[in-house]
Amino acid sequence: MTPKQVLDSFSETLMRDERILSSQERALVATLLQHAKAATGANPEVQEAVRAVIASAIGETVAQRAFGVLGSSIVERILESSIPGESGAIRTSEVVGDPHLPVQQMNAPAPPPPAPQPETPSVKAPRKEPQAPGHHPKRETPVTQPQSPSTPVKTPGAPGQPQPPRGVTATVVSQTSVACAERPETLPARCVVLDEFLAPQELAELTRFTLEHEADFHSSEVISPVSEEGVVNYSHRRSRVLMELEQQENLMLARIKAVLPQVLDRLGMEEFDVAEVEAQITASNDGDYFHFHSDNGSDRVASRYLTFVYFFHREPRQFEGGELRIHDARLEGGTYVSEGSYQTIVPQQNQIVFFPCELMHEITPVKCSSQGFADSRFTLNGWLRQ
């Protein structure tokens, strides 16, 4: 894409944006064009030649500043949207060797101005990774004997590195409160992955917000079958979360709603009215993980319908691991277990993943040698309830 293409395709839009041309610069351009018209007289060919020279020079500035402010991908997306037949295209491709997981590539609808538009989502195909025959991930099932209620426990320690409290026991509910007759025998893994979900400045603001609120993060909790509140259970989940997201939640929800119909269609899920949204920022540091589980396996969370996980981190990236694995699962003894294969999504900057809440998934351990909070694997993740 050349600067002339940029200028010819959407110069008026960009030149009205003060991040690209200031009001003084726009006034100067107008003056130049007026003087050019006066100096060339009534000869239209000469006028057009002079205007073309001015436009070419301005186009260089407009293009370079547009790339810097909006990013090259979003500029290309705006250009493509001006080509008849290209706008709103949705393309589907299959992961080789996996009949269960359609990977989606979609052009997300642009957000309303003046907020910058997200770049064109592109596809990162999850990896299909077979496990050893007969191997199943550790299953978390509730204890059937009555227990005394547990309460969340927060222990002091190094920032970003909570230590397991002594004497704390907690149980994670895993699909046990739903009648077996209502549950399918198999749950094949499937998801939609979109890249470049937020505009660059939105990503930068989310990162800044997260780092500024380090002191507000607390140990992640899981659901207990005997407690109305969540409990800390480091044998099942270890990370830290921030629940008060302020305007960050509204921004993410607006972006999600813009692509929701296409996402549901590609997942083979029915459209629904979003009754409630849960969202949190999760920080995963050295040694943090989340074992095999589903997101709607108890009565308290049974109305969760769609899970979303948005990945982001400080640059340059300082952690490894923390992969999202979505398992092909089957019902065995009233509990879902892995079929021995799963889809792997490696966290990528500014990437979001959608999948049905009932799917079994896990987060692999994170390795972060610095152990600094700012170097954590961050996600803005949550659930849409129906």
Protein backbone atom coordinates (compact mmCIF):
# COMPACT_ATOMS: atom_id res chain seq x y z
CA MET A 1 0.00 0.00 0.00
CA THR A 2 1.55 3.29 -1.13
CA PRO A 3 1.01 6.72 0.44
CA LYS A 4 -0.90 7.73 -2.70
CA GLN A 5 -3.29 4.79 -2.20
CA VAL A 6 -3.82 5.88 1.38
CA LEU A 7 -4.51 9.45 0.37
CA ASP A 8 -6.75 8.58 -2.57
CA SER A 9 -8.79 6.04 -0.60
CA PHE A 10 -9.54 7.92 2.60
CA SER A 11 -7.66 11.22 2.69
CA GLU A 12 -10.64 13.24 3.88
CA THR A 13 -11.16 10.92 6.86
CA LEU A 14 -7.52 10.94 7.91
CA MET A 15 -6.97 14.64 7.29
CA ARG A 16 -9.82 15.47 9.67
CA ASP A 17 -8.03 13.58 12.44
CA GLU A 18 -5.88 15.98 14.50
CA ARG A 19 -3.58 13.11 15.50
CA ILE A 20 -2.47 13.02 11.85
CA LEU A 21 -2.77 16.65 10.67
CA SER A 22 -3.20 19.48 13.15
CA SER A 23 -5.69 22.29 12.55
CA GLN A 24 -2.81 24.60 11.57
CA GLU A 25 -1.51 22.04 9.07
CA ARG A 26 -4.96 21.57 7.57
CA ALA A 27 -5.29 25.34 7.21
CA LEU A 28 -1.91 25.44 5.48
CA VAL A 29 -3.01 22.74 3.03
CA ALA A 30 -6.17 24.66 2.22
CA THR A 31 -4.14 27.83 1.62
CA LEU A 32 -1.72 26.00 -0.67
CA LEU A 33 -4.57 24.64 -2.74
CA GLN A 34 -6.18 28.08 -3.02
CA HIS A 35 -2.91 29.71 -4.12
CA ALA A 36 -2.28 26.88 -6.58
CA LYS A 37 -5.69 27.42 -8.12
CA ALA A 38 -5.14 31.17 -8.39
CA ALA A 39 -1.62 30.81 -9.83
CA THR A 40 -2.59 28.31 -12.54
CA GLY A 41 -5.49 30.33 -13.85
CA ALA A 42 -8.38 28.62 -15.54
CA ASN A 43 -6.40 25.80 -17.15
CA PRO A 44 -7.88 22.64 -15.59
CA GLU A 45 -5.00 20.39 -16.69
CA VAL A 46 -2.40 22.62 -15.01
CA GLN A 47 -4.55 22.92 -11.91
CA GLU A 48 -4.86 19.15 -11.70
CA ALA A 49 -1.10 18.66 -12.13
CA VAL A 50 -0.31 21.11 -9.33
CA ARG A 51 -2.92 19.55 -7.06
CA ALA A 52 -1.46 16.11 -7.76
CA VAL A 53 2.01 17.31 -6.70
CA ILE A 54 0.63 18.79 -3.47
CA ALA A 55 -1.46 15.68 -2.81
CA SER A 56 1.54 13.41 -3.30
CA ALA A 57 3.64 15.38 -0.83
CA ILE A 58 0.86 15.50 1.75
CA GLY A 59 0.10 11.84 1.16
CA GLU A 60 3.54 10.87 2.40
CA THR A 61 2.93 12.70 5.68
CA VAL A 62 -0.63 11.42 6.08
CA ALA A 63 0.38 7.83 5.40
CA GLN A 64 3.37 7.78 7.72
CA ARG A 65 1.44 9.38 10.58
CA ALA A 66 -1.56 7.09 10.00
CA PHE A 67 0.69 4.05 10.22
CA GLY A 68 2.20 5.39 13.45
CA VAL A 69 -1.11 6.26 15.09
CA LEU A 70 -3.37 3.47 13.86
CA GLY A 71 -0.94 0.71 12.92
CA SER A 72 -0.34 -0.65 9.44
CA SER A 73 -2.89 -3.47 9.69
CA ILE A 74 -5.78 -1.18 10.54
CA VAL A 75 -4.85 1.21 7.73
CA GLU A 76 -4.81 -1.71 5.31
CA ARG A 77 -8.17 -2.85 6.67
CA ILE A 78 -9.69 0.59 6.01
CA LEU A 79 -8.29 0.50 2.51
CA GLU A 80 -9.67 -3.01 1.88
CA SER A 81 -13.09 -1.97 3.16
CA SER A 82 -13.31 0.55 0.32
CA ILE A 83 -13.00 -2.23 -2.27
CA PRO A 84 -16.44 -3.52 -3.39
CA GLY A 85 -17.15 -7.08 -2.29
CA GLU A 86 -14.36 -7.20 0.33
CA SER A 87 -16.03 -5.61 3.31
CA GLY A 88 -17.34 -7.91 6.02
CA ALA A 89 -15.89 -11.07 4.53
CA ILE A 90 -15.76 -14.11 6.79
CA ARG A 91 -13.47 -16.95 5.89
CA THR A 92 -13.28 -20.33 7.58
CA SER A 93 -10.36 -22.73 7.48
CA GLU A 94 -9.91 -26.14 9.08
CA VAL A 95 -7.01 -27.24 11.26
CA VAL A 96 -5.24 -30.07 9.48
CA GLY A 97 -6.06 -33.41 11.06
CA ASP A 98 -8.77 -32.03 13.35
CA PRO A 99 -12.38 -32.35 12.20
CA HIS A 100 -13.70 -30.81 15.42
CA LEU A 101 -12.13 -27.36 15.58
CA PRO A 102 -12.99 -24.81 12.89
CA VAL A 103 -10.64 -21.86 13.11
CA GLN A 104 -12.20 -18.57 12.21
CA GLN A 105 -10.94 -15.51 10.39
CA MET A 106 -13.28 -12.58 10.52
CA ASN A 107 -13.34 -8.89 9.82
CA ALA A 108 -14.74 -7.47 13.04
CA PRO A 109 -17.21 -4.58 12.70
CA ALA A 110 -15.56 -1.23 13.30
CA PRO A 111 -16.32 0.47 16.64
CA PRO A 112 -18.06 3.83 16.56
CA PRO A 113 -15.85 6.95 16.28
CA PRO A 114 -13.92 8.60 17.81
CA ALA A 115 -12.54 5.40 19.32
CA PRO A 116 -9.93 3.84 17.00
CA GLN A 117 -10.94 0.75 15.10
CA PRO A 118 -9.51 -2.66 15.99
CA GLU A 119 -7.28 -4.21 13.37
CA THR A 120 -8.41 -7.04 11.13
CA PRO A 121 -8.59 -10.24 13.19
CA SER A 122 -6.38 -12.94 11.75
CA VAL A 123 -6.05 -16.59 12.58
CA LYS A 124 -3.58 -18.40 14.77
CA ALA A 125 -4.38 -22.06 14.46
CA PRO A 126 -4.36 -23.93 17.77
CA ARG A 127 -2.10 -26.95 17.80
CA LYS A 128 -3.62 -30.42 18.04
CA GLU A 129 -1.45 -32.30 20.52
CA PRO A 130 -2.11 -35.99 21.17
CA GLN A 131 -1.34 -37.38 24.58
CA ALA A 132 -0.03 -40.81 25.43
CA PRO A 133 -2.66 -43.57 25.03
CA GLY A 134 -4.73 -44.05 28.15
CA HIS A 135 -3.52 -40.80 29.68
CA HIS A 136 -6.10 -38.51 31.24
CA PRO A 137 -5.55 -35.18 32.97
CA LYS A 138 -6.14 -35.02 36.69
CA ARG A 139 -9.87 -34.85 37.39
CA GLU A 140 -11.23 -32.50 39.99
CA THR A 141 -14.41 -33.92 41.54
CA PRO A 142 -16.29 -32.71 44.59
CA VAL A 143 -16.09 -34.63 47.81
CA THR A 144 -19.41 -36.28 48.53
CA GLN A 145 -18.99 -36.25 52.32
CA PRO A 146 -20.27 -33.13 54.10
CA GLN A 147 -17.63 -30.52 54.77
CA SER A 148 -17.50 -27.42 56.83
CA PRO A 149 -17.62 -24.23 54.76
CA SER A 150 -14.28 -22.78 53.75
CA THR A 151 -13.57 -19.11 53.26
CA PRO A 152 -11.12 -17.36 50.98
CA VAL A 153 -7.67 -17.18 52.49
CA LYS A 154 -5.17 -14.51 51.51
CA THR A 155 -1.60 -14.89 52.69
CA PRO A 156 1.20 -12.33 52.58
CA GLY A 157 4.16 -12.94 50.34
CA ALA A 158 6.22 -11.52 47.53
CA PRO A 159 4.18 -9.50 44.99
CA GLY A 160 2.71 -11.81 42.37
CA GLN A 161 3.81 -14.93 44.27
CA PRO A 162 1.08 -16.07 46.71
CA GLN A 163 2.06 -18.99 48.91
CA PRO A 164 -0.34 -21.86 49.67
CA PRO A 165 -1.84 -21.38 53.15
CA ARG A 166 -1.50 -24.24 55.60
CA GLY A 167 -4.56 -26.21 56.57
CA VAL A 168 -6.75 -24.84 53.77
CA THR A 169 -8.86 -27.38 51.89
CA ALA A 170 -11.19 -26.55 49.05
CA THR A 171 -13.05 -28.50 46.41
CA VAL A 172 -13.68 -27.49 42.84
CA VAL A 173 -17.03 -28.35 41.35
CA SER A 174 -16.65 -30.06 37.97
CA GLN A 175 -19.91 -30.72 36.15
CA THR A 176 -21.50 -32.67 39.03
CA SER A 177 -24.62 -30.66 39.69
CA VAL A 178 -26.03 -31.12 36.19
CA ALA A 179 -28.13 -34.20 35.54
CA CYS A 180 -26.26 -36.79 33.46
CA ALA A 181 -29.24 -37.21 31.13
CA GLU A 182 -28.82 -33.58 30.03
CA ARG A 183 -25.11 -33.88 29.24
CA PRO A 184 -23.66 -35.11 25.95
CA GLU A 185 -21.42 -38.16 25.92
CA THR A 186 -18.61 -36.25 24.21
CA LEU A 187 -17.46 -32.63 24.14
CA PRO A 188 -15.20 -31.99 21.12
CA ALA A 189 -12.82 -29.06 21.48
CA ARG A 190 -13.62 -26.00 19.39
CA CYS A 191 -12.82 -22.30 19.58
CA VAL A 192 -12.54 -19.07 17.62
CA VAL A 193 -9.23 -17.18 17.77
CA LEU A 194 -8.94 -13.52 16.72
CA ASP A 195 -5.70 -11.53 16.54
CA GLU A 196 -5.15 -7.76 16.88
CA PHE A 197 -8.41 -7.42 18.81
CA LEU A 198 -7.77 -4.00 20.35
CA ALA A 199 -6.27 -0.92 18.74
CA PRO A 200 -2.63 -0.26 19.77
CA GLN A 201 -3.48 2.65 22.07
CA GLU A 202 -6.25 0.61 23.73
CA LEU A 203 -3.83 -2.21 24.41
CA ALA A 204 -1.31 0.26 25.84
CA GLU A 205 -3.98 1.75 28.12
CA LEU A 206 -5.08 -1.69 29.35
CA THR A 207 -1.48 -2.61 30.15
CA ARG A 208 -0.92 0.68 31.98
CA PHE A 209 -4.13 0.23 33.97
CA THR A 210 -3.14 -3.31 34.96
CA LEU A 211 0.35 -2.39 36.16
CA GLU A 212 -0.94 0.59 38.13
CA HIS A 213 -3.37 -1.66 40.04
CA GLU A 214 -0.90 -4.33 41.15
CA ALA A 215 -1.78 -3.75 44.81
CA ASP A 216 -5.47 -4.51 44.11
CA PHE A 217 -4.88 -8.04 42.82
CA HIS A 218 -5.69 -10.93 45.16
CA SER A 219 -5.34 -14.70 45.08
CA SER A 220 -7.58 -16.49 42.60
CA GLU A 221 -10.46 -18.52 44.01
CA VAL A 222 -12.39 -21.56 42.89
CA ILE A 223 -15.95 -22.71 43.53
CA SER A 224 -16.73 -24.90 46.51
CA PRO A 225 -19.86 -27.09 46.65
CA VAL A 226 -20.38 -26.20 50.32
CA SER A 227 -19.59 -22.49 50.38
CA GLU A 228 -21.45 -19.50 49.00
CA GLU A 229 -18.12 -17.80 48.39
CA GLY A 230 -15.07 -18.85 46.41
CA VAL A 231 -12.16 -20.50 48.14
CA VAL A 232 -8.41 -20.48 47.57
CA ASN A 233 -7.16 -23.88 46.44
CA TYR A 234 -3.54 -23.82 45.30
CA SER A 235 -3.62 -27.50 44.43
CA HIS A 236 -6.01 -26.67 41.60
CA ARG A 237 -5.45 -23.04 40.66
CA ARG A 238 -2.74 -20.50 41.34
CA SER A 239 -2.79 -16.93 40.03
CA ARG A 240 -3.95 -13.46 41.05
CA VAL A 241 -7.00 -11.56 39.85
CA LEU A 242 -8.35 -8.02 39.67
CA MET A 243 -12.13 -7.73 39.71
CA GLU A 244 -12.68 -3.96 39.47
CA LEU A 245 -11.93 -3.14 35.84
CA GLU A 246 -13.61 0.25 35.49
CA GLN A 247 -13.88 1.35 31.84
CA GLN A 248 -11.66 -1.50 30.64
CA GLU A 249 -14.55 -3.94 31.01
CA ASN A 250 -16.89 -1.70 29.00
CA LEU A 251 -14.37 -1.40 26.19
CA MET A 252 -13.82 -5.14 26.00
CA LEU A 253 -17.56 -5.86 26.12
CA ALA A 254 -18.21 -3.42 23.26
CA ARG A 255 -15.59 -5.14 21.12
CA ILE A 256 -16.95 -8.59 21.97
CA LYS A 257 -20.54 -7.65 21.14
CA ALA A 258 -19.39 -6.38 17.75
CA VAL A 259 -18.14 -9.85 16.73
CA LEU A 260 -20.47 -11.99 18.85
CA PRO A 261 -22.95 -13.04 16.11
CA GLN A 262 -20.16 -14.28 13.85
CA VAL A 263 -18.37 -16.02 16.73
CA LEU A 264 -21.50 -17.88 17.81
CA ASP A 265 -22.25 -18.86 14.23
CA ARG A 266 -18.79 -20.34 13.72
CA LEU A 267 -18.95 -22.19 17.03
CA GLY A 268 -22.35 -23.64 16.13
CA MET A 269 -23.95 -21.97 19.15
CA GLU A 270 -27.36 -20.32 19.32
CA GLU A 271 -27.55 -16.55 19.62
CA PHE A 272 -28.70 -15.32 23.02
CA ASP A 273 -29.42 -12.19 25.01
CA VAL A 274 -26.50 -11.41 27.29
CA ALA A 275 -28.06 -11.29 30.76
CA GLU A 276 -24.85 -10.72 32.69
CA VAL A 277 -21.12 -10.32 32.08
CA GLU A 278 -18.34 -11.45 34.39
CA ALA A 279 -14.86 -10.15 33.72
CA GLN A 280 -11.52 -10.06 35.50
CA ILE A 281 -7.86 -9.46 34.80
CA THR A 282 -5.74 -12.47 35.71
CA ALA A 283 -2.00 -12.24 36.40
CA SER A 284 -0.10 -15.52 36.14
CA ASN A 285 3.51 -15.49 37.28
CA ASP A 286 6.23 -18.09 37.86
CA GLY A 287 4.68 -21.46 38.75
CA ASP A 288 1.05 -20.35 38.31
CA TYR A 289 -1.44 -22.62 36.54
CA PHE A 290 -5.08 -23.76 36.39
CA HIS A 291 -5.86 -27.49 36.23
CA PHE A 292 -8.43 -29.27 34.03
CA HIS A 293 -11.91 -27.76 34.57
CA SER A 294 -15.02 -26.30 32.95
CA ASP A 295 -16.51 -22.85 33.54
CA ASN A 296 -20.18 -23.71 34.15
CA GLY A 297 -20.10 -26.95 36.10
CA SER A 298 -22.12 -25.95 39.16
CA ASP A 299 -25.53 -24.43 39.81
CA ARG A 300 -23.97 -21.09 40.72
CA VAL A 301 -22.38 -20.70 37.28
CA ALA A 302 -24.69 -22.88 35.18
CA SER A 303 -25.93 -19.86 33.18
CA ARG A 304 -22.46 -19.10 31.84
CA TYR A 305 -22.62 -19.64 28.07
CA LEU A 306 -19.50 -18.30 26.37
CA THR A 307 -15.95 -17.97 27.70
CA PHE A 308 -13.53 -15.34 26.40
CA VAL A 309 -9.79 -15.04 27.12
CA TYR A 310 -7.88 -11.98 25.91
CA PHE A 311 -4.07 -12.23 26.13
CA PHE A 312 -1.73 -9.30 26.74
CA HIS A 313 1.66 -8.66 28.35
CA ARG A 314 4.37 -6.07 28.72
CA GLU A 315 6.92 -5.91 25.91
CA PRO A 316 9.34 -7.55 25.57
CA ARG A 317 7.66 -10.73 26.78
CA GLN A 318 9.36 -12.18 29.88
CA PHE A 319 7.44 -15.42 30.46
CA GLU A 320 7.02 -18.83 28.89
CA GLY A 321 4.26 -21.42 29.13
CA GLY A 322 0.77 -20.48 30.26
CA GLU A 323 -0.78 -22.21 27.25
CA LEU A 324 -4.54 -22.61 27.05
CA ARG A 325 -5.44 -26.23 26.30
CA ILE A 326 -9.01 -27.08 25.29
CA HIS A 327 -9.61 -30.82 25.53
CA ASP A 328 -11.69 -33.25 23.56
CA ALA A 329 -13.62 -34.84 26.45
CA ARG A 330 -15.96 -37.73 27.13
CA LEU A 331 -18.32 -38.53 29.98
CA GLU A 332 -16.99 -41.23 32.28
CA GLY A 333 -18.53 -42.09 35.64
CA GLY A 334 -20.44 -38.84 35.78
CA THR A 335 -17.33 -36.73 35.12
CA TYR A 336 -15.78 -35.45 31.91
CA VAL A 337 -12.28 -36.72 31.19
CA SER A 338 -9.91 -35.98 28.34
CA GLU A 339 -10.13 -38.11 25.21
CA GLY A 340 -6.33 -37.94 25.07
CA SER A 341 -6.08 -34.94 22.74
CA TYR A 342 -6.47 -31.20 23.04
CA GLN A 343 -6.12 -27.92 21.18
CA THR A 344 -3.27 -25.67 22.32
CA ILE A 345 -3.45 -21.88 22.10
CA VAL A 346 -0.09 -20.24 22.84
CA PRO A 347 -0.67 -16.76 24.36
CA GLN A 348 -0.04 -14.03 21.81
CA GLN A 349 -0.13 -10.29 22.35
CA ASN A 350 -3.54 -8.70 21.62
CA GLN A 351 -5.23 -12.04 20.87
CA ILE A 352 -8.65 -13.24 22.06
CA VAL A 353 -10.10 -16.75 22.21
CA PHE A 354 -13.78 -17.70 22.46
CA PHE A 355 -15.14 -21.14 23.38
CA PRO A 356 -18.28 -22.67 24.99
CA CYS A 357 -18.17 -22.62 28.80
CA GLU A 358 -18.84 -26.35 29.13
CA LEU A 359 -15.63 -27.34 27.36
CA MET A 360 -12.90 -28.82 29.55
CA HIS A 361 -9.70 -26.79 29.53
CA GLU A 362 -6.56 -25.99 31.51
CA ILE A 363 -3.74 -23.46 31.78
CA THR A 364 -0.24 -24.94 31.77
CA PRO A 365 2.36 -23.70 34.31
CA VAL A 366 3.95 -20.33 33.66
CA LYS A 367 7.70 -19.80 33.79
CA CYS A 368 8.81 -16.26 34.66
CA SER A 369 12.40 -16.05 35.84
CA SER A 370 12.17 -12.44 37.04
CA GLN A 371 9.07 -13.21 39.15
CA GLY A 372 8.15 -9.54 38.73
CA PHE A 373 4.48 -8.69 38.56
CA ALA A 374 4.96 -6.55 35.44
CA ASP A 375 6.43 -9.56 33.61
CA SER A 376 3.37 -11.75 34.24
CA ARG A 377 1.14 -13.46 31.71
CA PHE A 378 -1.98 -11.27 31.75
CA THR A 379 -5.47 -12.04 30.50
CA LEU A 380 -8.71 -10.10 30.55
CA ASN A 381 -10.99 -13.09 30.75
CA GLY A 382 -14.58 -13.75 31.62
CA TRP A 383 -17.96 -15.19 30.73
CA LEU A 384 -21.19 -14.14 29.08
CA ARG A 385 -24.26 -15.44 30.88
CA GLN A 386 -27.63 -16.10 29.26
